[in-house]
C-alpha atoms as a PDB file:
ATOM      1  CA  MET A   1      20.923 -27.699 -28.076  1.00  0.00           C
ATOM      2  CA  ASP A   2      19.782 -27.549 -31.544  1.00  0.00           C
ATOM      3  CA  LYS A   3      16.327 -25.769 -31.760  1.00  0.00           C
ATOM      4  CA  ASN A   4      14.798 -28.615 -34.184  1.00  0.00           C
ATOM      5  CA  TYR A   5      15.379 -30.984 -31.054  1.00  0.00           C
ATOM      6  CA  PHE A   6      13.115 -28.831 -28.789  1.00  0.00           C
ATOM      7  CA  ARG A   7      10.676 -28.296 -31.431  1.00  0.00           C
ATOM      8  CA  SER A   8      10.343 -32.056 -31.839  1.00  0.00           C
ATOM      9  CA  LEU A   9       9.944 -32.487 -28.197  1.00  0.00           C
ATOM     10  CA  ILE A  10       7.207 -29.971 -28.158  1.00  0.00           C
ATOM     11  CA  LYS A  11       5.486 -31.656 -31.140  1.00  0.00           C
ATOM     12  CA  HIS A  12       5.779 -34.913 -29.245  1.00  0.00           C
ATOM     13  CA  TYR A  13       4.013 -33.587 -26.177  1.00  0.00           C
ATOM     14  CA  PHE A  14       1.498 -31.778 -28.271  1.00  0.00           C
ATOM     15  CA  LEU A  15       0.530 -35.115 -30.019  1.00  0.00           C
ATOM     16  CA  LYS A  16       0.403 -36.758 -26.624  1.00  0.00           C
ATOM     17  CA  GLY A  17      -2.339 -34.263 -25.661  1.00  0.00           C
ATOM     18  CA  LYS A  18      -0.201 -32.192 -23.132  1.00  0.00           C
ATOM     19  CA  THR A  19      -0.855 -28.528 -22.772  1.00  0.00           C
ATOM     20  CA  ALA A  20       1.781 -25.747 -23.546  1.00  0.00           C
ATOM     21  CA  LYS A  21       2.017 -25.287 -19.718  1.00  0.00           C
ATOM     22  CA  GLU A  22       2.521 -28.989 -18.922  1.00  0.00           C
ATOM     23  CA  THR A  23       5.030 -29.175 -21.875  1.00  0.00           C
ATOM     24  CA  LYS A  24       6.922 -26.121 -20.476  1.00  0.00           C
ATOM     25  CA  GLU A  25       7.266 -27.559 -17.085  1.00  0.00           C
ATOM     26  CA  LYS A  26       8.727 -30.954 -18.362  1.00  0.00           C
ATOM     27  CA  LEU A  27      11.224 -29.020 -20.492  1.00  0.00           C
ATOM     28  CA  ASP A  28      12.260 -26.825 -17.502  1.00  0.00           C
ATOM     29  CA  LYS A  29      12.429 -30.006 -15.349  1.00  0.00           C
ATOM     30  CA  TYR A  30      15.029 -31.826 -17.616  1.00  0.00           C
ATOM     31  CA  TYR A  31      16.847 -29.009 -19.468  1.00  0.00           C
ATOM     32  CA  VAL A  32      16.490 -26.117 -17.127  1.00  0.00           C
ATOM     33  CA  ALA A  33      18.485 -23.053 -18.330  1.00  0.00           C
ATOM     34  CA  ASN A  34      18.553 -24.567 -21.910  1.00  0.00           C
ATOM     35  CA  ALA A  35      14.980 -24.868 -22.151  1.00  0.00           C
ATOM     36  CA  PRO A  36      13.048 -22.935 -24.693  1.00  0.00           C
ATOM     37  CA  SER A  37      11.026 -19.993 -23.459  1.00  0.00           C
ATOM     38  CA  ASP A  38       7.424 -19.932 -22.511  1.00  0.00           C
ATOM     39  CA  TYR A  39       6.657 -17.757 -25.815  1.00  0.00           C
ATOM     40  CA  THR A  40       8.297 -20.366 -27.910  1.00  0.00           C
ATOM     41  CA  VAL A  41       6.321 -23.356 -26.628  1.00  0.00           C
ATOM     42  CA  LYS A  42       3.062 -21.393 -27.028  1.00  0.00           C
ATOM     43  CA  TYR A  43       4.119 -20.404 -30.395  1.00  0.00           C
ATOM     44  CA  TRP A  44       4.708 -24.046 -31.566  1.00  0.00           C
ATOM     45  CA  PHE A  45       1.491 -25.289 -29.902  1.00  0.00           C
ATOM     46  CA  ARG A  46      -0.503 -22.555 -32.173  1.00  0.00           C
ATOM     47  CA  GLU A  47       1.550 -23.820 -35.151  1.00  0.00           C
ATOM     48  CA  PHE A  48       0.788 -27.492 -34.594  1.00  0.00           C
ATOM     49  CA  ARG A  49      -3.086 -26.663 -33.876  1.00  0.00           C
ATOM     50  CA  GLY A  50      -3.300 -24.755 -37.141  1.00  0.00           C
ATOM     51  CA  GLY A  51      -2.013 -27.896 -38.928  1.00  0.00           C
ATOM     52  CA  ARG A  52       1.471 -27.386 -39.201  1.00  0.00           C
ATOM     53  CA  ASN A  53       3.782 -30.740 -39.298  1.00  0.00           C
ATOM     54  CA  SER A  54       7.197 -29.659 -40.091  1.00  0.00           C
ATOM     55  CA  THR A  55       9.471 -28.542 -37.377  1.00  0.00           C
ATOM     56  CA  THR A  56      12.080 -26.930 -39.627  1.00  0.00           C
ATOM     57  CA  ASP A  57      12.173 -23.207 -40.465  1.00  0.00           C
ATOM     58  CA  GLU A  58      10.167 -22.251 -43.414  1.00  0.00           C
ATOM     59  CA  ILE A  59      11.572 -20.044 -46.166  1.00  0.00           C
ATOM     60  CA  ARG A  60      11.966 -16.781 -44.868  1.00  0.00           C
ATOM     61  CA  SER A  61      11.259 -13.463 -46.833  1.00  0.00           C
ATOM     62  CA  GLY A  62      13.660 -13.393 -49.863  1.00  0.00           C
ATOM     63  CA  ARG A  63      14.652  -9.657 -50.031  1.00  0.00           C
ATOM     64  CA  PRO A  64      15.769  -7.679 -47.019  1.00  0.00           C
ATOM     65  CA  SER A  65      13.129  -5.028 -47.638  1.00  0.00           C
ATOM     66  CA  ASP A  66      10.236  -7.469 -47.515  1.00  0.00           C
ATOM     67  CA  ALA A  67      11.061  -8.362 -43.975  1.00  0.00           C
ATOM     68  CA  VAL A  68      10.936  -4.860 -42.509  1.00  0.00           C
ATOM     69  CA  THR A  69       7.154  -4.429 -42.532  1.00  0.00           C
ATOM     70  CA  GLU A  70       4.932  -2.384 -40.066  1.00  0.00           C
ATOM     71  CA  GLU A  71       3.472  -5.686 -39.016  1.00  0.00           C
ATOM     72  CA  ASN A  72       6.984  -7.215 -38.233  1.00  0.00           C
ATOM     73  CA  VAL A  73       8.172  -4.204 -36.388  1.00  0.00           C
ATOM     74  CA  LYS A  74       4.957  -3.979 -34.394  1.00  0.00           C
ATOM     75  CA  LYS A  75       5.135  -7.582 -33.284  1.00  0.00           C
ATOM     76  CA  ILE A  76       8.747  -7.467 -32.351  1.00  0.00           C
ATOM     77  CA  HIS A  77       8.251  -4.311 -30.512  1.00  0.00           C
ATOM     78  CA  GLU A  78       5.117  -6.068 -28.344  1.00  0.00           C
ATOM     79  CA  MET A  79       7.347  -9.103 -27.686  1.00  0.00           C
ATOM     80  CA  VAL A  80      10.279  -7.053 -26.379  1.00  0.00           C
ATOM     81  CA  LEU A  81       7.885  -4.846 -24.189  1.00  0.00           C
ATOM     82  CA  ALA A  82       6.345  -8.103 -22.791  1.00  0.00           C
ATOM     83  CA  ASP A  83       9.789  -9.877 -22.058  1.00  0.00           C
ATOM     84  CA  ARG A  84      12.886  -7.797 -22.182  1.00  0.00           C
ATOM     85  CA  LYS A  85      15.084 -10.969 -22.025  1.00  0.00           C
ATOM     86  CA  VAL A  86      13.466 -12.361 -25.283  1.00  0.00           C
ATOM     87  CA  LYS A  87      16.104 -13.802 -27.702  1.00  0.00           C
ATOM     88  CA  VAL A  88      16.810 -12.436 -31.113  1.00  0.00           C
ATOM     89  CA  ARG A  89      16.162 -16.156 -32.472  1.00  0.00           C
ATOM     90  CA  GLU A  90      12.812 -16.189 -30.717  1.00  0.00           C
ATOM     91  CA  LEU A  91      11.804 -13.023 -32.495  1.00  0.00           C
ATOM     92  CA  ALA A  92      12.944 -14.263 -35.792  1.00  0.00           C
ATOM     93  CA  ASP A  93      11.103 -17.431 -35.352  1.00  0.00           C
ATOM     94  CA  ALA A  94       7.976 -15.466 -34.427  1.00  0.00           C
ATOM     95  CA  THR A  95       8.055 -13.188 -37.408  1.00  0.00           C
ATOM     96  CA  LYS A  96       9.528 -15.840 -39.816  1.00  0.00           C
ATOM     97  CA  ILE A  97      12.446 -13.381 -40.927  1.00  0.00           C
ATOM     98  CA  SER A  98      16.120 -13.641 -40.689  1.00  0.00           C
ATOM     99  CA  THR A  99      17.924 -12.993 -37.250  1.00  0.00           C
ATOM    100  CA  GLU A 100      19.952 -10.272 -39.381  1.00  0.00           C
ATOM    101  CA  ARG A 101      16.795  -8.614 -40.394  1.00  0.00           C
ATOM    102  CA  THR A 102      15.464  -8.925 -36.742  1.00  0.00           C
ATOM    103  CA  ARG A 103      18.630  -7.117 -35.414  1.00  0.00           C
ATOM    104  CA  HIS A 104      18.056  -4.328 -37.991  1.00  0.00           C
ATOM    105  CA  ILE A 105      14.517  -3.902 -36.831  1.00  0.00           C
ATOM    106  CA  LEU A 106      15.667  -3.711 -33.018  1.00  0.00           C
ATOM    107  CA  GLY A 107      18.591  -1.344 -33.638  1.00  0.00           C
ATOM    108  CA  GLU A 108      17.910   0.916 -36.540  1.00  0.00           C
ATOM    109  CA  ILE A 109      14.023   0.996 -36.232  1.00  0.00           C
ATOM    110  CA  LEU A 110      13.210   0.423 -32.523  1.00  0.00           C
ATOM    111  CA  HIS A 111      16.520   1.953 -31.418  1.00  0.00           C
ATOM    112  CA  MET A 112      17.004  -0.803 -28.686  1.00  0.00           C
ATOM    113  CA  LYS A 113      20.029  -2.466 -27.478  1.00  0.00           C
ATOM    114  CA  LYS A 114      20.923  -5.138 -25.004  1.00  0.00           C
ATOM    115  CA  LEU A 115      22.100  -3.753 -21.499  1.00  0.00           C
ATOM    116  CA  SER A 116      22.835  -6.222 -18.783  1.00  0.00           C
ATOM    117  CA  CYS A 117      20.849  -8.840 -20.783  1.00  0.00           C
ATOM    118  CA  ARG A 118      17.690  -6.693 -21.068  1.00  0.00           C
ATOM    119  CA  TRP A 119      16.459  -4.871 -24.192  1.00  0.00           C
ATOM    120  CA  VAL A 120      16.323  -1.111 -23.561  1.00  0.00           C
ATOM    121  CA  PRO A 121      15.994   2.016 -25.548  1.00  0.00           C
ATOM    122  CA  ARG A 122      19.384   2.849 -27.263  1.00  0.00           C
ATOM    123  CA  MET A 123      18.712   6.482 -26.616  1.00  0.00           C
ATOM    124  CA  LEU A 124      16.710   7.636 -23.779  1.00  0.00           C
ATOM    125  CA  THR A 125      14.442  10.625 -24.123  1.00  0.00           C
ATOM    126  CA  PRO A 126      14.835  13.703 -22.111  1.00  0.00           C
ATOM    127  CA  ASP A 127      12.125  12.630 -19.660  1.00  0.00           C
ATOM    128  CA  GLN A 128      13.625   9.170 -19.276  1.00  0.00           C
ATOM    129  CA  LYS A 129      16.847  10.598 -18.517  1.00  0.00           C
ATOM    130  CA  HIS A 130      15.520  12.985 -16.029  1.00  0.00           C
ATOM    131  CA  GLU A 131      13.598  10.256 -14.222  1.00  0.00           C
ATOM    132  CA  ARG A 132      16.882   8.204 -13.870  1.00  0.00           C
ATOM    133  CA  TYR A 133      18.427  11.099 -11.827  1.00  0.00           C
ATOM    134  CA  ALA A 134      15.481  12.847 -10.410  1.00  0.00           C
ATOM    135  CA  ASN A 135      15.310  10.768  -7.057  1.00  0.00           C
ATOM    136  CA  ASP A 136      16.494  13.545  -5.028  1.00  0.00           C
ATOM    137  CA  VAL A 137      19.913  12.372  -5.723  1.00  0.00           C
ATOM    138  CA  ASP A 138      21.046  15.666  -7.062  1.00  0.00           C
ATOM    139  CA  ASP A 139      19.915  17.280  -4.050  1.00  0.00           C
ATOM    140  CA  ASN A 140      21.423  14.812  -1.592  1.00  0.00           C
ATOM    141  CA  PRO A 141      23.869  12.424  -3.521  1.00  0.00           C
ATOM    142  CA  LYS A 142      25.092  11.181  -0.052  1.00  0.00           C
ATOM    143  CA  SER A 143      21.762   9.626   0.489  1.00  0.00           C
ATOM    144  CA  ILE A 144      22.798   6.563  -1.627  1.00  0.00           C
ATOM    145  CA  GLU A 145      25.693   5.619   0.600  1.00  0.00           C
ATOM    146  CA  TYR A 146      23.017   4.484   3.068  1.00  0.00           C
ATOM    147  CA  VAL A 147      21.353   1.739   0.833  1.00  0.00           C
ATOM    148  CA  VAL A 148      21.038  -1.137   3.330  1.00  0.00           C
ATOM    149  CA  ALA A 149      18.568  -3.482   1.369  1.00  0.00           C
ATOM    150  CA  LYS A 150      17.621  -4.481  -2.017  1.00  0.00           C
ATOM    151  CA  ARG A 151      15.050  -6.851  -3.350  1.00  0.00           C
ATOM    152  CA  SER A 152      16.365  -8.795  -6.281  1.00  0.00           C
ATOM    153  CA  MET A 153      14.936 -11.658  -8.468  1.00  0.00           C
ATOM    154  CA  TYR A 154      16.895 -14.687  -9.339  1.00  0.00           C
ATOM    155  CA  GLN A 155      15.267 -16.308 -12.424  1.00  0.00           C
ATOM    156  CA  TRP A 156      16.326 -19.972 -12.651  1.00  0.00           C
ATOM    157  CA  THR A 157      14.229 -21.278 -15.247  1.00  0.00           C
ATOM    158  CA  ALA A 158      11.690 -19.473 -17.665  1.00  0.00           C
ATOM    159  CA  GLY A 159       8.571 -18.933 -15.586  1.00  0.00           C
ATOM    160  CA  ARG A 160      10.343 -19.746 -12.320  1.00  0.00           C
ATOM    161  CA  VAL A 161      11.249 -16.782  -9.940  1.00  0.00           C
ATOM    162  CA  MET A 162      12.972 -16.750  -6.543  1.00  0.00           C
ATOM    163  CA  THR A 163      12.803 -13.634  -4.686  1.00  0.00           C
ATOM    164  CA  ALA A 164      15.605 -12.562  -2.361  1.00  0.00           C
ATOM    165  CA  PHE A 165      15.619  -9.830   0.213  1.00  0.00           C
ATOM    166  CA  ARG A 166      19.199  -8.817   0.709  1.00  0.00           C
ATOM    167  CA  TYR A 167      21.177  -6.043   2.377  1.00  0.00           C
ATOM    168  CA  GLN A 168      24.738  -4.895   2.219  1.00  0.00           C
ATOM    169  CA  ASN A 169      26.179  -7.891   4.103  1.00  0.00           C
ATOM    170  CA  GLY A 170      24.239 -10.906   2.497  1.00  0.00           C
ATOM    171  CA  VAL A 171      20.707 -12.451   1.883  1.00  0.00           C
ATOM    172  CA  LEU A 172      18.084 -12.215   4.513  1.00  0.00           C
ATOM    173  CA  HIS A 173      15.317 -14.442   3.096  1.00  0.00           C
ATOM    174  CA  PHE A 174      14.433 -16.367   0.063  1.00  0.00           C
ATOM    175  CA  ALA A 175      10.867 -16.798  -1.373  1.00  0.00           C
ATOM    176  CA  SER A 176      10.530 -19.310  -4.056  1.00  0.00           C
ATOM    177  CA  ARG A 177       7.574 -17.689  -5.703  1.00  0.00           C
ATOM    178  CA  HIS A 178       6.096 -14.403  -7.133  1.00  0.00           C
ATOM    179  CA  LEU A 179       5.177 -11.858  -4.652  1.00  0.00           C
ATOM    180  CA  HIS A 180       1.946  -9.746  -4.673  1.00  0.00           C
ATOM    181  CA  SER A 181       1.635  -6.561  -2.737  1.00  0.00           C
ATOM    182  CA  ASP A 182       0.553  -8.178   0.453  1.00  0.00           C
ATOM    183  CA  SER A 183       3.105 -11.031   0.738  1.00  0.00           C
ATOM    184  CA  PHE A 184       5.781  -8.600  -0.242  1.00  0.00           C
ATOM    185  CA  SER A 185       4.859  -6.141   2.601  1.00  0.00           C
ATOM    186  CA  SER A 186       4.668  -8.926   5.056  1.00  0.00           C
ATOM    187  CA  CYS A 187       8.257  -9.982   4.289  1.00  0.00           C
ATOM    188  CA  PHE A 188       9.367  -6.434   4.862  1.00  0.00           C
ATOM    189  CA  ALA A 189       7.338  -6.181   8.076  1.00  0.00           C
ATOM    190  CA  ARG A 190       9.017  -9.635   9.316  1.00  0.00           C
ATOM    191  CA  HIS A 191      12.503  -8.455   8.669  1.00  0.00           C
ATOM    192  CA  HIS A 192      12.066  -5.000  10.013  1.00  0.00           C
ATOM    193  CA  LYS A 193      11.478  -6.899  13.590  1.00  0.00           C
ATOM    194  CA  ARG A 194      14.785  -8.649  13.330  1.00  0.00           C
ATOM    195  CA  ARG A 195      17.188  -6.945  15.892  1.00  0.00           C
ATOM    196  CA  GLY A 196      19.760  -4.821  14.419  1.00  0.00           C
ATOM    197  CA  MET A 197      18.397  -5.403  10.905  1.00  0.00           C
ATOM    198  CA  LEU A 198      16.735  -3.052   8.600  1.00  0.00           C
ATOM    199  CA  THR A 199      15.884  -0.410  11.310  1.00  0.00           C
ATOM    200  CA  ALA A 200      16.887   2.501   9.321  1.00  0.00           C
ATOM    201  CA  GLY A 201      18.395   3.373   5.971  1.00  0.00           C
ATOM    202  CA  VAL A 202      17.345   3.443   2.253  1.00  0.00           C
ATOM    203  CA  SER A 203      15.362   0.780   0.322  1.00  0.00           C
ATOM    204  CA  LEU A 204      16.153   0.469  -3.216  1.00  0.00           C
ATOM    205  CA  LEU A 205      12.993  -0.892  -5.027  1.00  0.00           C
ATOM    206  CA  HIS A 206      12.266  -0.968  -8.921  1.00  0.00           C
ATOM    207  CA  ASN A 207       8.982  -0.173 -10.319  1.00  0.00           C
ATOM    208  CA  ALA A 208       7.236  -3.541 -10.450  1.00  0.00           C
ATOM    209  CA  ARG A 209       3.478  -3.557  -8.782  1.00  0.00           C
ATOM    210  CA  PRO A 210       4.127  -5.172  -5.572  1.00  0.00           C
ATOM    211  CA  HIS A 211       6.890  -2.548  -4.785  1.00  0.00           C
ATOM    212  CA  VAL A 212       4.734   0.410  -5.826  1.00  0.00           C
ATOM    213  CA  ALA A 213       1.404  -0.612  -4.315  1.00  0.00           C
ATOM    214  CA  ALA A 214      -0.212   1.547  -1.792  1.00  0.00           C
ATOM    215  CA  SER A 215       0.135  -0.942   1.101  1.00  0.00           C
ATOM    216  CA  THR A 216       3.886  -1.255   0.368  1.00  0.00           C
ATOM    217  CA  THR A 217       4.456   2.573   0.412  1.00  0.00           C
ATOM    218  CA  ALA A 218       2.495   2.982   3.622  1.00  0.00           C
ATOM    219  CA  LEU A 219       4.427   0.143   5.196  1.00  0.00           C
ATOM    220  CA  LEU A 220       7.901   1.686   4.462  1.00  0.00           C
ATOM    221  CA  ASN A 221       6.496   5.149   5.532  1.00  0.00           C
ATOM    222  CA  GLN A 222       5.597   3.453   8.839  1.00  0.00           C
ATOM    223  CA  PHE A 223       9.070   2.082   9.144  1.00  0.00           C
ATOM    224  CA  SER A 224      10.637   5.825   8.316  1.00  0.00           C
ATOM    225  CA  TRP A 225      12.546   4.255   5.569  1.00  0.00           C
ATOM    226  CA  ASP A 226      13.738   6.419   2.756  1.00  0.00           C
ATOM    227  CA  VAL A 227      13.015   4.712  -0.655  1.00  0.00           C
ATOM    228  CA  LEU A 228      15.069   5.315  -3.669  1.00  0.00           C
ATOM    229  CA  THR A 229      12.799   4.157  -6.599  1.00  0.00           C
ATOM    230  CA  HIS A 230      14.233   2.262  -9.612  1.00  0.00           C
ATOM    231  CA  PRO A 231      13.761   4.246 -12.870  1.00  0.00           C
ATOM    232  CA  PRO A 232      12.396   2.295 -15.992  1.00  0.00           C
ATOM    233  CA  TYR A 233      15.103   0.826 -18.497  1.00  0.00           C
ATOM    234  CA  SER A 234      17.884   1.173 -15.934  1.00  0.00           C
ATOM    235  CA  PRO A 235      19.473  -2.273 -15.314  1.00  0.00           C
ATOM    236  CA  ASP A 236      22.757  -0.390 -15.111  1.00  0.00           C
ATOM    237  CA  LEU A 237      21.444   1.147 -11.918  1.00  0.00           C
ATOM    238  CA  ALA A 238      20.346  -2.158 -10.225  1.00  0.00           C
ATOM    239  CA  PRO A 239      23.105  -3.863  -8.208  1.00  0.00           C
ATOM    240  CA  SER A 240      21.587  -7.255  -9.013  1.00  0.00           C
ATOM    241  CA  ASP A 241      21.855  -6.762 -12.755  1.00  0.00           C
ATOM    242  CA  TYR A 242      25.338  -5.024 -12.924  1.00  0.00           C
ATOM    243  CA  HIS A 243      27.077  -7.089 -10.248  1.00  0.00           C
ATOM    244  CA  LEU A 244      25.315 -10.156  -8.693  1.00  0.00           C
ATOM    245  CA  PHE A 245      23.809 -11.972 -11.740  1.00  0.00           C
ATOM    246  CA  THR A 246      27.151 -11.893 -13.650  1.00  0.00           C
ATOM    247  CA  LYS A 247      28.838 -13.912 -10.816  1.00  0.00           C
ATOM    248  CA  LEU A 248      25.829 -16.106 -10.485  1.00  0.00           C
ATOM    249  CA  LYS A 249      25.704 -17.106 -13.939  1.00  0.00           C
ATOM    250  CA  GLU A 250      29.502 -17.977 -13.802  1.00  0.00           C
ATOM    251  CA  SER A 251      28.796 -20.096 -11.007  1.00  0.00           C
ATOM    252  CA  LEU A 252      26.004 -22.076 -12.522  1.00  0.00           C
ATOM    253  CA  ALA A 253      27.438 -22.228 -15.877  1.00  0.00           C
ATOM    254  CA  GLY A 254      27.584 -25.781 -17.258  1.00  0.00           C
ATOM    255  CA  LYS A 255      25.909 -27.304 -14.394  1.00  0.00           C
ATOM    256  CA  ARG A 256      22.783 -29.509 -14.870  1.00  0.00           C
ATOM    257  CA  PHE A 257      19.943 -29.639 -12.421  1.00  0.00           C
ATOM    258  CA  GLN A 258      16.774 -32.176 -12.313  1.00  0.00           C
ATOM    259  CA  SER A 259      14.413 -29.600 -10.550  1.00  0.00           C
ATOM    260  CA  ASP A 260      13.859 -26.203  -9.394  1.00  0.00           C
ATOM    261  CA  GLU A 261      14.451 -27.299  -5.944  1.00  0.00           C
ATOM    262  CA  GLU A 262      18.081 -28.301  -6.985  1.00  0.00           C
ATOM    263  CA  VAL A 263      18.782 -24.953  -8.561  1.00  0.00           C
ATOM    264  CA  GLN A 264      17.226 -23.081  -5.600  1.00  0.00           C
ATOM    265  CA  THR A 265      19.549 -25.156  -3.207  1.00  0.00           C
ATOM    266  CA  ALA A 266      22.504 -24.531  -5.374  1.00  0.00           C
ATOM    267  CA  VAL A 267      21.800 -20.546  -5.374  1.00  0.00           C
ATOM    268  CA  THR A 268      21.131 -20.394  -1.840  1.00  0.00           C
ATOM    269  CA  ASN A 269      24.288 -22.232  -0.995  1.00  0.00           C
ATOM    270  CA  TRP A 270      26.375 -20.058  -3.355  1.00  0.00           C
ATOM    271  CA  THR A 271      24.996 -16.887  -1.560  1.00  0.00           C
ATOM    272  CA  LYS A 272      25.868 -18.401   1.786  1.00  0.00           C
ATOM    273  CA  GLU A 273      29.615 -18.999   0.568  1.00  0.00           C
ATOM    274  CA  LEU A 274      30.152 -15.318  -0.466  1.00  0.00           C
ATOM    275  CA  ALA A 275      31.723 -12.968   1.931  1.00  0.00           C
ATOM    276  CA  GLY A 276      29.668  -9.948   3.078  1.00  0.00           C
ATOM    277  CA  SER A 277      32.103  -7.530   1.326  1.00  0.00           C
ATOM    278  CA  PHE A 278      30.774  -9.105  -2.003  1.00  0.00           C
ATOM    279  CA  TYR A 279      27.554  -7.716  -1.385  1.00  0.00           C
ATOM    280  CA  ALA A 280      28.583  -4.480   0.078  1.00  0.00           C
ATOM    281  CA  GLU A 281      30.771  -4.019  -2.930  1.00  0.00           C
ATOM    282  CA  GLY A 282      27.935  -4.374  -5.432  1.00  0.00           C
ATOM    283  CA  ILE A 283      25.745  -1.955  -3.463  1.00  0.00           C
ATOM    284  CA  SER A 284      28.531   0.810  -2.833  1.00  0.00           C
ATOM    285  CA  LYS A 285      29.025   0.833  -6.782  1.00  0.00           C
ATOM    286  CA  LEU A 286      25.653   2.227  -6.870  1.00  0.00           C
ATOM    287  CA  VAL A 287      27.041   5.410  -5.487  1.00  0.00           C
ATOM    288  CA  SER A 288      29.648   5.964  -8.335  1.00  0.00           C
ATOM    289  CA  ARG A 289      27.033   4.799 -10.798  1.00  0.00           C
ATOM    290  CA  TYR A 290      24.262   7.250  -9.878  1.00  0.00           C
ATOM    291  CA  THR A 291      27.223   9.989  -9.691  1.00  0.00           C
ATOM    292  CA  LYS A 292      28.181   9.209 -13.175  1.00  0.00           C
ATOM    293  CA  CYS A 293      24.604   9.030 -14.395  1.00  0.00           C
ATOM    294  CA  ILE A 294      24.252  12.640 -13.120  1.00  0.00           C
ATOM    295  CA  GLU A 295      27.455  13.779 -14.558  1.00  0.00           C
ATOM    296  CA  ILE A 296      26.339  12.385 -18.301  1.00  0.00           C
ATOM    297  CA  ASP A 297      22.852  13.959 -18.033  1.00  0.00           C
ATOM    298  CA  GLY A 298      20.950  10.669 -17.303  1.00  0.00           C
ATOM    299  CA  ASN A 299      22.416   8.416 -20.125  1.00  0.00           C
ATOM    300  CA  TYR A 300      23.418   4.766 -19.532  1.00  0.00           C
ATOM    301  CA  VAL A 301      26.335   4.077 -17.453  1.00  0.00           C
ATOM    302  CA  GLU A 302      28.275   1.429 -19.177  1.00  0.00           C
ATOM    303  CA  LYS A 303      30.981   0.507 -17.001  1.00  0.00           C
ATOM    304  CA  ASP A 304      32.096   1.591 -13.301  1.00  0.00           C
END
């Protein structure tokens, strides 16, 4: 939808005395995936509080060189670090420069690119490359073949996250909320007790705080599970990013939902309809992707 349409809606709720949070919830409820981001809503609330009335773009910097300032580079960098899925348009709006100059800053100055819908460094440093293949894979590459569980996050509207524990044959459990370290550990403990499920193997976790917390680490050690840590800036080594989300987006494309609950139901039903081989395929690709990552000295794996 037209960005000025959403800006007018944000202004409408602002004038009615709604908070930015309440406005975001209303936009998410009625427009779901098309709703503006949390950052955009807060940005326009700040603008209106400061006395701005217009919802149209202000005149941007005339000369390209005027846009590439230390302040704009710093602001764009901070926004990307805060949200690696942030849109170029949102960055341009926040800095009041053109999208062309915004892309220039991202690519030519910050040396970043989009990989699996996330901004990542275009060229990894030697340390970052080493971290991508230093999980004892080079000593025992066969270990990846025994990955049986993967924690994934499906984001169905900005600010709403559904966490799914899944293994090579399907989804074990959904949690329609953010998980802190204690609740994350309790979910692991509950599924560990299920007969024939997750009693051995490798758990693939990324570096979010609940996953690297001392309580989580202690619990996995108690289960005698091997943990394959997920290195930073590596959506190409996450089955959910390079395999699952692509198909999920195709399934939900063009559909409208009236609430988060409707989206959760649609996602849950979609996962149940998939054959176990679909999940196994995504996880099995991790073997070849890690192998290729090692062969190319830790650089990004663009294709299987």
